Amino acid sequence: MDDQTKLELEAAAFRTLRDHLMEKRTDVQNIDMMNLAGFCRNCLSRWYQEAANERGIEMSKDEARESFYGMTMAEWKANYQTDATASQQDAFKTAFKENVENKE
């Protein structure tokens, strides 16, 4: 497989993941994703923003998040976010430390 085809396939898979989380699985909470997989929609949007900024494209955190939520963060929270349980919050502290803080 040539590099361009590989790049296009990876981009297609990434767009499918983004659309799946944005449109088909709005019930999946970020805290559950972080606790189980070590990343969430916010991580995806941060990686997207960082890639844009590295290429000289100005993109704010809010603009990047809208690319993964399909709306503002405030709208997403109002429409889809549920309250986290104490055990979810405890697990998140560990997952965030292991997957975000230690990577910066």
PDB file of N, CA and C in Angstrom:
ATOM      1  N   MET A   1       0.858  -1.172   0.000  1.00  0.00           N
ATOM      2  CA  MET A   1       0.000   0.000   0.000  1.00  0.00           C
ATOM      3  C   MET A   1       0.905   1.236   0.000  1.00  0.00           C
ATOM      4  N   ASP A   2       0.591   2.187  -0.853  1.00  0.00           N
ATOM      5  CA  ASP A   2       1.405   3.404  -0.906  1.00  0.00           C
ATOM      6  C   ASP A   2       1.028   4.335   0.249  1.00  0.00           C
ATOM      7  N   ASP A   3       1.925   5.284   0.535  1.00  0.00           N
ATOM      8  CA  ASP A   3       1.749   6.181   1.677  1.00  0.00           C
ATOM      9  C   ASP A   3       0.490   7.033   1.575  1.00  0.00           C
ATOM     10  N   GLN A   4       0.159   7.516   0.381  1.00  0.00           N
ATOM     11  CA  GLN A   4      -1.023   8.364   0.215  1.00  0.00           C
ATOM     12  C   GLN A   4      -2.299   7.581   0.496  1.00  0.00           C
ATOM     13  N   THR A   5      -2.369   6.359   0.016  1.00  0.00           N
ATOM     14  CA  THR A   5      -3.549   5.516   0.275  1.00  0.00           C
ATOM     15  C   THR A   5      -3.668   5.229   1.759  1.00  0.00           C
ATOM     16  N   LYS A   6      -2.554   4.913   2.395  1.00  0.00           N
ATOM     17  CA  LYS A   6      -2.558   4.664   3.842  1.00  0.00           C
ATOM     18  C   LYS A   6      -3.067   5.893   4.588  1.00  0.00           C
ATOM     19  N   LEU A   7      -2.562   7.065   4.226  1.00  0.00           N
ATOM     20  CA  LEU A   7      -3.000   8.309   4.847  1.00  0.00           C
ATOM     21  C   LEU A   7      -4.502   8.523   4.671  1.00  0.00           C
ATOM     22  N   GLU A   8      -5.002   8.276   3.489  1.00  0.00           N
ATOM     23  CA  GLU A   8      -6.434   8.456   3.212  1.00  0.00           C
ATOM     24  C   GLU A   8      -7.284   7.468   3.995  1.00  0.00           C
ATOM     25  N   LEU A   9      -6.820   6.227   4.123  1.00  0.00           N
ATOM     26  CA  LEU A   9      -7.565   5.226   4.897  1.00  0.00           C
ATOM     27  C   LEU A   9      -7.571   5.580   6.380  1.00  0.00           C
ATOM     28  N   GLU A  10      -6.427   6.029   6.894  1.00  0.00           N
ATOM     29  CA  GLU A  10      -6.364   6.441   8.296  1.00  0.00           C
ATOM     30  C   GLU A  10      -7.280   7.630   8.551  1.00  0.00           C
ATOM     31  N   ALA A  11      -7.291   8.584   7.636  1.00  0.00           N
ATOM     32  CA  ALA A  11      -8.163   9.750   7.778  1.00  0.00           C
ATOM     33  C   ALA A  11      -9.631   9.338   7.747  1.00  0.00           C
ATOM     34  N   ALA A  12      -9.976   8.404   6.874  1.00  0.00           N
ATOM     35  CA  ALA A  12     -11.367   7.931   6.789  1.00  0.00           C
ATOM     36  C   ALA A  12     -11.773   7.229   8.081  1.00  0.00           C
ATOM     37  N   ALA A  13     -10.883   6.404   8.628  1.00  0.00           N
ATOM     38  CA  ALA A  13     -11.186   5.710   9.883  1.00  0.00           C
ATOM     39  C   ALA A  13     -11.350   6.717  11.021  1.00  0.00           C
ATOM     40  N   PHE A  14     -10.506   7.729  11.046  1.00  0.00           N
ATOM     41  CA  PHE A  14     -10.584   8.766  12.063  1.00  0.00           C
ATOM     42  C   PHE A  14     -11.902   9.533  11.969  1.00  0.00           C
ATOM     43  N   ARG A  15     -12.299   9.897  10.745  1.00  0.00           N
ATOM     44  CA  ARG A  15     -13.573  10.619  10.566  1.00  0.00           C
ATOM     45  C   ARG A  15     -14.748   9.749  11.005  1.00  0.00           C
ATOM     46  N   THR A  16     -14.655   8.464  10.739  1.00  0.00           N
ATOM     47  CA  THR A  16     -15.725   7.553  11.150  1.00  0.00           C
ATOM     48  C   THR A  16     -15.807   7.486  12.671  1.00  0.00           C
ATOM     49  N   LEU A  17     -14.671   7.427  13.340  1.00  0.00           N
ATOM     50  CA  LEU A  17     -14.651   7.437  14.806  1.00  0.00           C
ATOM     51  C   LEU A  17     -15.260   8.726  15.330  1.00  0.00           C
ATOM     52  N   ARG A  18     -14.829   9.853  14.786  1.00  0.00           N
ATOM     53  CA  ARG A  18     -15.356  11.151  15.221  1.00  0.00           C
ATOM     54  C   ARG A  18     -16.868  11.210  15.035  1.00  0.00           C
ATOM     55  N   ASP A  19     -17.349  10.828  13.851  1.00  0.00           N
ATOM     56  CA  ASP A  19     -18.785  10.877  13.567  1.00  0.00           C
ATOM     57  C   ASP A  19     -19.561   9.900  14.444  1.00  0.00           C
ATOM     58  N   HIS A  20     -18.981   8.742  14.695  1.00  0.00           N
ATOM     59  CA  HIS A  20     -19.620   7.745  15.553  1.00  0.00           C
ATOM     60  C   HIS A  20     -19.853   8.321  16.951  1.00  0.00           C
ATOM     61  N   LEU A  21     -18.822   8.955  17.507  1.00  0.00           N
ATOM     62  CA  LEU A  21     -18.942   9.534  18.850  1.00  0.00           C
ATOM     63  C   LEU A  21     -19.841  10.759  18.867  1.00  0.00           C
ATOM     64  N   MET A  22     -19.847  11.510  17.771  1.00  0.00           N
ATOM     65  CA  MET A  22     -20.606  12.755  17.718  1.00  0.00           C
ATOM     66  C   MET A  22     -22.087  12.512  17.417  1.00  0.00           C
ATOM     67  N   GLU A  23     -22.381  11.516  16.600  1.00  0.00           N
ATOM     68  CA  GLU A  23     -23.747  11.349  16.117  1.00  0.00           C
ATOM     69  C   GLU A  23     -24.448  10.077  16.596  1.00  0.00           C
ATOM     70  N   LYS A  24     -23.717   8.991  16.693  1.00  0.00           N
ATOM     71  CA  LYS A  24     -24.362   7.712  17.001  1.00  0.00           C
ATOM     72  C   LYS A  24     -24.264   7.315  18.467  1.00  0.00           C
ATOM     73  N   ARG A  25     -23.223   7.776  19.156  1.00  0.00           N
ATOM     74  CA  ARG A  25     -23.031   7.359  20.544  1.00  0.00           C
ATOM     75  C   ARG A  25     -22.892   8.544  21.483  1.00  0.00           C
ATOM     76  N   THR A  26     -23.864   9.441  21.394  1.00  0.00           N
ATOM     77  CA  THR A  26     -23.876  10.589  22.299  1.00  0.00           C
ATOM     78  C   THR A  26     -24.106  10.146  23.745  1.00  0.00           C
ATOM     79  N   ASP A  27     -24.561   8.906  23.920  1.00  0.00           N
ATOM     80  CA  ASP A  27     -24.781   8.368  25.259  1.00  0.00           C
ATOM     81  C   ASP A  27     -23.476   7.995  25.955  1.00  0.00           C
ATOM     82  N   VAL A  28     -22.412   7.820  25.203  1.00  0.00           N
ATOM     83  CA  VAL A  28     -21.128   7.450  25.792  1.00  0.00           C
ATOM     84  C   VAL A  28     -20.516   8.691  26.422  1.00  0.00           C
ATOM     85  N   GLN A  29     -20.300   8.627  27.710  1.00  0.00           N
ATOM     86  CA  GLN A  29     -19.782   9.755  28.462  1.00  0.00           C
ATOM     87  C   GLN A  29     -18.255   9.819  28.350  1.00  0.00           C
ATOM     88  N   ASN A  30     -17.725  11.029  28.291  1.00  0.00           N
ATOM     89  CA  ASN A  30     -16.277  11.215  28.229  1.00  0.00           C
ATOM     90  C   ASN A  30     -15.573  10.561  29.404  1.00  0.00           C
ATOM     91  N   ILE A  31     -16.166  10.659  30.582  1.00  0.00           N
ATOM     92  CA  ILE A  31     -15.520  10.099  31.765  1.00  0.00           C
ATOM     93  C   ILE A  31     -15.374   8.583  31.630  1.00  0.00           C
ATOM     94  N   ASP A  32     -16.356   7.930  31.029  1.00  0.00           N
ATOM     95  CA  ASP A  32     -16.260   6.482  30.818  1.00  0.00           C
ATOM     96  C   ASP A  32     -15.183   6.159  29.788  1.00  0.00           C
ATOM     97  N   MET A  33     -15.123   6.956  28.728  1.00  0.00           N
ATOM     98  CA  MET A  33     -14.074   6.746  27.724  1.00  0.00           C
ATOM     99  C   MET A  33     -12.692   6.900  28.350  1.00  0.00           C
ATOM    100  N   MET A  34     -12.514   7.952  29.133  1.00  0.00           N
ATOM    101  CA  MET A  34     -11.209   8.186  29.752  1.00  0.00           C
ATOM    102  C   MET A  34     -10.870   7.059  30.724  1.00  0.00           C
ATOM    103  N   ASN A  35     -11.840   6.650  31.505  1.00  0.00           N
ATOM    104  CA  ASN A  35     -11.588   5.606  32.492  1.00  0.00           C
ATOM    105  C   ASN A  35     -11.281   4.263  31.845  1.00  0.00           C
ATOM    106  N   LEU A  36     -11.910   3.967  30.725  1.00  0.00           N
ATOM    107  CA  LEU A  36     -11.710   2.675  30.068  1.00  0.00           C
ATOM    108  C   LEU A  36     -10.592   2.678  29.027  1.00  0.00           C
ATOM    109  N   ALA A  37     -10.475   3.773  28.276  1.00  0.00           N
ATOM    110  CA  ALA A  37      -9.555   3.777  27.138  1.00  0.00           C
ATOM    111  C   ALA A  37      -8.386   4.748  27.295  1.00  0.00           C
ATOM    112  N   GLY A  38      -8.464   5.644  28.262  1.00  0.00           N
ATOM    113  CA  GLY A  38      -7.383   6.590  28.456  1.00  0.00           C
ATOM    114  C   GLY A  38      -7.440   7.800  27.547  1.00  0.00           C
ATOM    115  N   PHE A  39      -8.558   7.986  26.850  1.00  0.00           N
ATOM    116  CA  PHE A  39      -8.765   9.183  26.035  1.00  0.00           C
ATOM    117  C   PHE A  39     -10.260   9.422  25.904  1.00  0.00           C
ATOM    118  N   CYS A  40     -10.617  10.649  25.501  1.00  0.00           N
ATOM    119  CA  CYS A  40     -12.022  10.995  25.328  1.00  0.00           C
ATOM    120  C   CYS A  40     -12.159  12.009  24.195  1.00  0.00           C
ATOM    121  N   ARG A  41     -13.329  12.537  24.015  1.00  0.00           N
ATOM    122  CA  ARG A  41     -13.554  13.537  22.965  1.00  0.00           C
ATOM    123  C   ARG A  41     -12.655  14.756  23.155  1.00  0.00           C
ATOM    124  N   ASN A  42     -12.451  15.158  24.410  1.00  0.00           N
ATOM    125  CA  ASN A  42     -11.591  16.305  24.674  1.00  0.00           C
ATOM    126  C   ASN A  42     -10.149  16.017  24.266  1.00  0.00           C
ATOM    127  N   CYS A  43      -9.691  14.794  24.489  1.00  0.00           N
ATOM    128  CA  CYS A  43      -8.341  14.416  24.061  1.00  0.00           C
ATOM    129  C   CYS A  43      -8.248  14.470  22.542  1.00  0.00           C
ATOM    130  N   LEU A  44      -9.233  13.903  21.868  1.00  0.00           N
ATOM    131  CA  LEU A  44      -9.236  13.932  20.404  1.00  0.00           C
ATOM    132  C   LEU A  44      -9.204  15.361  19.889  1.00  0.00           C
ATOM    133  N   SER A  45      -9.994  16.238  20.497  1.00  0.00           N
ATOM    134  CA  SER A  45     -10.014  17.625  20.040  1.00  0.00           C
ATOM    135  C   SER A  45      -8.691  18.319  20.344  1.00  0.00           C
ATOM    136  N   ARG A  46      -8.057  17.991  21.454  1.00  0.00           N
ATOM    137  CA  ARG A  46      -6.756  18.590  21.800  1.00  0.00           C
ATOM    138  C   ARG A  46      -5.691  18.130  20.798  1.00  0.00           C
ATOM    139  N   TRP A  47      -5.700  16.850  20.452  1.00  0.00           N
ATOM    140  CA  TRP A  47      -4.733  16.339  19.481  1.00  0.00           C
ATOM    141  C   TRP A  47      -4.938  17.003  18.116  1.00  0.00           C
ATOM    142  N   TYR A  48      -6.176  17.216  17.764  1.00  0.00           N
ATOM    143  CA  TYR A  48      -6.525  17.882  16.504  1.00  0.00           C
ATOM    144  C   TYR A  48      -6.014  19.323  16.518  1.00  0.00           C
ATOM    145  N   GLN A  49      -6.262  20.026  17.609  1.00  0.00           N
ATOM    146  CA  GLN A  49      -5.801  21.404  17.753  1.00  0.00           C
ATOM    147  C   GLN A  49      -4.278  21.469  17.696  1.00  0.00           C
ATOM    148  N   GLU A  50      -3.612  20.577  18.397  1.00  0.00           N
ATOM    149  CA  GLU A  50      -2.150  20.570  18.405  1.00  0.00           C
ATOM    150  C   GLU A  50      -1.597  20.325  17.002  1.00  0.00           C
ATOM    151  N   ALA A  51      -2.200  19.395  16.256  1.00  0.00           N
ATOM    152  CA  ALA A  51      -1.756  19.120  14.891  1.00  0.00           C
ATOM    153  C   ALA A  51      -1.948  20.346  14.003  1.00  0.00           C
ATOM    154  N   ALA A  52      -3.071  21.028  14.169  1.00  0.00           N
ATOM    155  CA  ALA A  52      -3.326  22.243  13.387  1.00  0.00           C
ATOM    156  C   ALA A  52      -2.305  23.318  13.736  1.00  0.00           C
ATOM    157  N   ASN A  53      -2.105  23.540  15.021  1.00  0.00           N
ATOM    158  CA  ASN A  53      -1.177  24.577  15.463  1.00  0.00           C
ATOM    159  C   ASN A  53       0.254  24.292  15.008  1.00  0.00           C
ATOM    160  N   GLU A  54       0.657  23.012  15.009  1.00  0.00           N
ATOM    161  CA  GLU A  54       1.991  22.640  14.544  1.00  0.00           C
ATOM    162  C   GLU A  54       2.187  22.972  13.067  1.00  0.00           C
ATOM    163  N   ARG A  55       1.099  23.036  12.331  1.00  0.00           N
ATOM    164  CA  ARG A  55       1.164  23.348  10.903  1.00  0.00           C
ATOM    165  C   ARG A  55       0.897  24.829  10.629  1.00  0.00           C
ATOM    166  N   GLY A  56       0.880  25.623  11.695  1.00  0.00           N
ATOM    167  CA  GLY A  56       0.685  27.052  11.538  1.00  0.00           C
ATOM    168  C   GLY A  56      -0.761  27.470  11.381  1.00  0.00           C
ATOM    169  N   ILE A  57      -1.687  26.571  11.663  1.00  0.00           N
ATOM    170  CA  ILE A  57      -3.115  26.874  11.571  1.00  0.00           C
ATOM    171  C   ILE A  57      -3.590  27.261  12.962  1.00  0.00           C
ATOM    172  N   GLU A  58      -4.077  28.483  13.093  1.00  0.00           N
ATOM    173  CA  GLU A  58      -4.585  28.944  14.381  1.00  0.00           C
ATOM    174  C   GLU A  58      -5.931  28.265  14.654  1.00  0.00           C
ATOM    175  N   MET A  59      -6.029  27.625  15.792  1.00  0.00           N
ATOM    176  CA  MET A  59      -7.269  26.962  16.188  1.00  0.00           C
ATOM    177  C   MET A  59      -7.353  27.005  17.702  1.00  0.00           C
ATOM    178  N   SER A  60      -8.455  27.514  18.201  1.00  0.00           N
ATOM    179  CA  SER A  60      -8.644  27.577  19.651  1.00  0.00           C
ATOM    180  C   SER A  60      -9.138  26.232  20.176  1.00  0.00           C
ATOM    181  N   LYS A  61      -9.070  26.081  21.486  1.00  0.00           N
ATOM    182  CA  LYS A  61      -9.588  24.875  22.127  1.00  0.00           C
ATOM    183  C   LYS A  61     -11.077  24.715  21.823  1.00  0.00           C
ATOM    184  N   ASP A  62     -11.823  25.820  21.884  1.00  0.00           N
ATOM    185  CA  ASP A  62     -13.262  25.759  21.621  1.00  0.00           C
ATOM    186  C   ASP A  62     -13.552  25.360  20.174  1.00  0.00           C
ATOM    187  N   GLU A  63     -12.787  25.896  19.230  1.00  0.00           N
ATOM    188  CA  GLU A  63     -12.977  25.529  17.819  1.00  0.00           C
ATOM    189  C   GLU A  63     -12.689  24.048  17.606  1.00  0.00           C
ATOM    190  N   ALA A  64     -11.629  23.556  18.218  1.00  0.00           N
ATOM    191  CA  ALA A  64     -11.288  22.139  18.084  1.00  0.00           C
ATOM    192  C   ALA A  64     -12.367  21.260  18.711  1.00  0.00           C
ATOM    193  N   ARG A  65     -12.865  21.660  19.857  1.00  0.00           N
ATOM    194  CA  ARG A  65     -13.907  20.865  20.516  1.00  0.00           C
ATOM    195  C   ARG A  65     -15.177  20.802  19.679  1.00  0.00           C
ATOM    196  N   GLU A  66     -15.531  21.896  19.034  1.00  0.00           N
ATOM    197  CA  GLU A  66     -16.725  21.875  18.177  1.00  0.00           C
ATOM    198  C   GLU A  66     -16.575  20.875  17.042  1.00  0.00           C
ATOM    199  N   SER A  67     -15.330  20.614  16.627  1.00  0.00           N
ATOM    200  CA  SER A  67     -15.078  19.624  15.581  1.00  0.00           C
ATOM    201  C   SER A  67     -15.383  18.203  16.053  1.00  0.00           C
ATOM    202  N   PHE A  68     -15.380  17.992  17.367  1.00  0.00           N
ATOM    203  CA  PHE A  68     -15.632  16.652  17.906  1.00  0.00           C
ATOM    204  C   PHE A  68     -16.947  16.516  18.638  1.00  0.00           C
ATOM    205  N   TYR A  69     -17.587  17.629  18.895  1.00  0.00           N
ATOM    206  CA  TYR A  69     -18.899  17.601  19.539  1.00  0.00           C
ATOM    207  C   TYR A  69     -20.012  17.961  18.575  1.00  0.00           C
ATOM    208  N   GLY A  70     -19.678  18.649  17.495  1.00  0.00           N
ATOM    209  CA  GLY A  70     -20.691  19.094  16.548  1.00  0.00           C
ATOM    210  C   GLY A  70     -21.515  20.257  17.077  1.00  0.00           C
ATOM    211  N   MET A  71     -21.054  20.839  18.167  1.00  0.00           N
ATOM    212  CA  MET A  71     -21.723  21.956  18.834  1.00  0.00           C
ATOM    213  C   MET A  71     -20.762  22.487  19.882  1.00  0.00           C
ATOM    214  N   THR A  72     -21.149  23.532  20.561  1.00  0.00           N
ATOM    215  CA  THR A  72     -20.282  24.037  21.629  1.00  0.00           C
ATOM    216  C   THR A  72     -20.260  23.046  22.788  1.00  0.00           C
ATOM    217  N   MET A  73     -19.229  23.170  23.593  1.00  0.00           N
ATOM    218  CA  MET A  73     -19.114  22.308  24.775  1.00  0.00           C
ATOM    219  C   MET A  73     -20.310  22.518  25.710  1.00  0.00           C
ATOM    220  N   ALA A  74     -20.734  23.750  25.864  1.00  0.00           N
ATOM    221  CA  ALA A  74     -21.878  24.049  26.736  1.00  0.00           C
ATOM    222  C   ALA A  74     -23.144  23.365  26.225  1.00  0.00           C
ATOM    223  N   GLU A  75     -23.358  23.394  24.905  1.00  0.00           N
ATOM    224  CA  GLU A  75     -24.529  22.726  24.322  1.00  0.00           C
ATOM    225  C   GLU A  75     -24.451  21.222  24.539  1.00  0.00           C
ATOM    226  N   TRP A  76     -23.260  20.654  24.339  1.00  0.00           N
ATOM    227  CA  TRP A  76     -23.081  19.216  24.524  1.00  0.00           C
ATOM    228  C   TRP A  76     -23.413  18.823  25.966  1.00  0.00           C
ATOM    229  N   LYS A  77     -22.850  19.562  26.910  1.00  0.00           N
ATOM    230  CA  LYS A  77     -23.101  19.252  28.318  1.00  0.00           C
ATOM    231  C   LYS A  77     -24.587  19.327  28.641  1.00  0.00           C
ATOM    232  N   ALA A  78     -25.251  20.353  28.136  1.00  0.00           N
ATOM    233  CA  ALA A  78     -26.685  20.520  28.405  1.00  0.00           C
ATOM    234  C   ALA A  78     -27.511  19.400  27.789  1.00  0.00           C
ATOM    235  N   ASN A  79     -27.109  18.924  26.625  1.00  0.00           N
ATOM    236  CA  ASN A  79     -27.895  17.922  25.902  1.00  0.00           C
ATOM    237  C   ASN A  79     -27.563  16.477  26.249  1.00  0.00           C
ATOM    238  N   TYR A  80     -26.298  16.197  26.587  1.00  0.00           N
ATOM    239  CA  TYR A  80     -25.879  14.794  26.672  1.00  0.00           C
ATOM    240  C   TYR A  80     -25.131  14.386  27.931  1.00  0.00           C
ATOM    241  N   GLN A  81     -24.466  15.314  28.594  1.00  0.00           N
ATOM    242  CA  GLN A  81     -23.636  14.915  29.722  1.00  0.00           C
ATOM    243  C   GLN A  81     -24.482  14.608  30.944  1.00  0.00           C
ATOM    244  N   THR A  82     -24.134  13.520  31.595  1.00  0.00           N
ATOM    245  CA  THR A  82     -24.816  13.122  32.830  1.00  0.00           C
ATOM    246  C   THR A  82     -23.866  13.336  34.003  1.00  0.00           C
ATOM    247  N   ASP A  83     -24.404  13.332  35.202  1.00  0.00           N
ATOM    248  CA  ASP A  83     -23.572  13.487  36.388  1.00  0.00           C
ATOM    249  C   ASP A  83     -22.749  12.227  36.604  1.00  0.00           C
ATOM    250  N   ALA A  84     -21.492  12.431  36.942  1.00  0.00           N
ATOM    251  CA  ALA A  84     -20.596  11.308  37.209  1.00  0.00           C
ATOM    252  C   ALA A  84     -20.777  10.837  38.642  1.00  0.00           C
ATOM    253  N   THR A  85     -20.659   9.541  38.822  1.00  0.00           N
ATOM    254  CA  THR A  85     -20.723   8.972  40.169  1.00  0.00           C
ATOM    255  C   THR A  85     -19.386   9.200  40.869  1.00  0.00           C
ATOM    256  N   ALA A  86     -19.378   8.991  42.156  1.00  0.00           N
ATOM    257  CA  ALA A  86     -18.137   9.141  42.932  1.00  0.00           C
ATOM    258  C   ALA A  86     -17.081   8.157  42.444  1.00  0.00           C
ATOM    259  N   SER A  87     -17.474   6.930  42.136  1.00  0.00           N
ATOM    260  CA  SER A  87     -16.493   5.948  41.661  1.00  0.00           C
ATOM    261  C   SER A  87     -15.956   6.327  40.277  1.00  0.00           C
ATOM    262  N   GLN A  88     -16.791   6.898  39.412  1.00  0.00           N
ATOM    263  CA  GLN A  88     -16.316   7.366  38.109  1.00  0.00           C
ATOM    264  C   GLN A  88     -15.308   8.506  38.290  1.00  0.00           C
ATOM    265  N   GLN A  89     -15.608   9.407  39.203  1.00  0.00           N
ATOM    266  CA  GLN A  89     -14.714  10.539  39.450  1.00  0.00           C
ATOM    267  C   GLN A  89     -13.370  10.066  40.001  1.00  0.00           C
ATOM    268  N   ASP A  90     -13.401   9.086  40.899  1.00  0.00           N
ATOM    269  CA  ASP A  90     -12.154   8.545  41.447  1.00  0.00           C
ATOM    270  C   ASP A  90     -11.325   7.870  40.356  1.00  0.00           C
ATOM    271  N   ALA A  91     -11.981   7.065  39.530  1.00  0.00           N
ATOM    272  CA  ALA A  91     -11.273   6.399  38.434  1.00  0.00           C
ATOM    273  C   ALA A  91     -10.721   7.410  37.445  1.00  0.00           C
ATOM    274  N   PHE A  92     -11.462   8.507  37.222  1.00  0.00           N
ATOM    275  CA  PHE A  92     -11.012   9.543  36.302  1.00  0.00           C
ATOM    276  C   PHE A  92      -9.722  10.193  36.782  1.00  0.00           C
ATOM    277  N   LYS A  93      -9.627  10.440  38.074  1.00  0.00           N
ATOM    278  CA  LYS A  93      -8.409  11.065  38.611  1.00  0.00           C
ATOM    279  C   LYS A  93      -7.175  10.237  38.240  1.00  0.00           C
ATOM    280  N   THR A  94      -7.288   8.934  38.385  1.00  0.00           N
ATOM    281  CA  THR A  94      -6.184   8.043  38.041  1.00  0.00           C
ATOM    282  C   THR A  94      -5.939   8.035  36.539  1.00  0.00           C
ATOM    283  N   ALA A  95      -6.997   7.885  35.756  1.00  0.00           N
ATOM    284  CA  ALA A  95      -6.860   7.833  34.300  1.00  0.00           C
ATOM    285  C   ALA A  95      -6.285   9.128  33.748  1.00  0.00           C
ATOM    286  N   PHE A  96      -6.730  10.262  34.264  1.00  0.00           N
ATOM    287  CA  PHE A  96      -6.229  11.557  33.799  1.00  0.00           C
ATOM    288  C   PHE A  96      -4.746  11.688  34.120  1.00  0.00           C
ATOM    289  N   LYS A  97      -4.382  11.305  35.324  1.00  0.00           N
ATOM    290  CA  LYS A  97      -2.978  11.396  35.733  1.00  0.00           C
ATOM    291  C   LYS A  97      -2.110  10.503  34.841  1.00  0.00           C
ATOM    292  N   GLU A  98      -2.558   9.291  34.578  1.00  0.00           N
ATOM    293  CA  GLU A  98      -1.773   8.345  33.788  1.00  0.00           C
ATOM    294  C   GLU A  98      -1.712   8.698  32.309  1.00  0.00           C
ATOM    295  N   ASN A  99      -2.792   9.253  31.769  1.00  0.00           N
ATOM    296  CA  ASN A  99      -2.893   9.423  30.330  1.00  0.00           C
ATOM    297  C   ASN A  99      -2.749  10.847  29.829  1.00  0.00           C
ATOM    298  N   VAL A 100      -2.936  11.821  30.692  1.00  0.00           N
ATOM    299  CA  VAL A 100      -2.857  13.211  30.251  1.00  0.00           C
ATOM    300  C   VAL A 100      -1.705  13.929  30.952  1.00  0.00           C
ATOM    301  N   GLU A 101      -1.734  13.960  32.257  1.00  0.00           N
ATOM    302  CA  GLU A 101      -0.696  14.701  32.992  1.00  0.00           C
ATOM    303  C   GLU A 101       0.685  14.158  32.721  1.00  0.00           C
ATOM    304  N   ASN A 102       0.839  12.848  32.659  1.00  0.00           N
ATOM    305  CA  ASN A 102       2.161  12.254  32.458  1.00  0.00           C
ATOM    306  C   ASN A 102       2.618  12.331  31.002  1.00  0.00           C
ATOM    307  N   LYS A 103       1.753  12.758  30.106  1.00  0.00           N
ATOM    308  CA  LYS A 103       2.105  12.864  28.684  1.00  0.00           C
ATOM    309  C   LYS A 103       2.489  14.286  28.300  1.00  0.00           C
ATOM    310  N   GLU A 104       2.194  15.242  29.155  1.00  0.00           N
ATOM    311  CA  GLU A 104       2.460  16.652  28.824  1.00  0.00           C
ATOM    312  C   GLU A 104       3.886  17.018  29.085  1.00  0.00           C
TER     313      GLU A 104
END
